[in-house]
Amino acid sequence: MILVDTSVWIDFLRDRDTPGTQALNRILDRDYPFGITGIIYQEILQGADSPKSLRVLVDYFATQRFYHPLDKVDTYRRAAEIYGHCRRNGVTIRSTVDCLIAQIALEHNLFLLHSDRDFQLMKGCVPELREWLND
């Protein structure tokens, strides 16, 4: 299973040709199972530039699989631990939300498809974080 990050969806929705969107197109073409998190959903919807485009996004993403934190408290503690572990290793993650997304990916044993520098840096501190590099 693959968790597709906001960074890839933004490029995909803007019709940009990037390694991330190429990978997402292959995932869609081959009907590989994928999903998003609630925070990814929120970030995507925040990018809507009109009520009409918001409705289109809501309708499309309502049909997608959502991955949620497995524990209402522990998931957030573990996300904070990811941030702290990276920080102690000289890596500053710009978005704490990315730590939460990474923790949800870990909890569900998902591959993460992203185009985000934070995840690249995080991988050095959290080797168990699995990236979707190619199929």
Foldseek 3Di string as FASTA:
>chain_A
DEEEALQLVVCVVVVHDDLLVVQVVVCVVVVPAYAYEPVRLVVNLVPDPDPVSSVVSCVVNVPHDYQYDPDPPVLLVQLVVLQVQLVVVVHHQPDSVVSSRQSSCLVVVHAYRHPDPSVVSSCVRVVSRHHCNHD
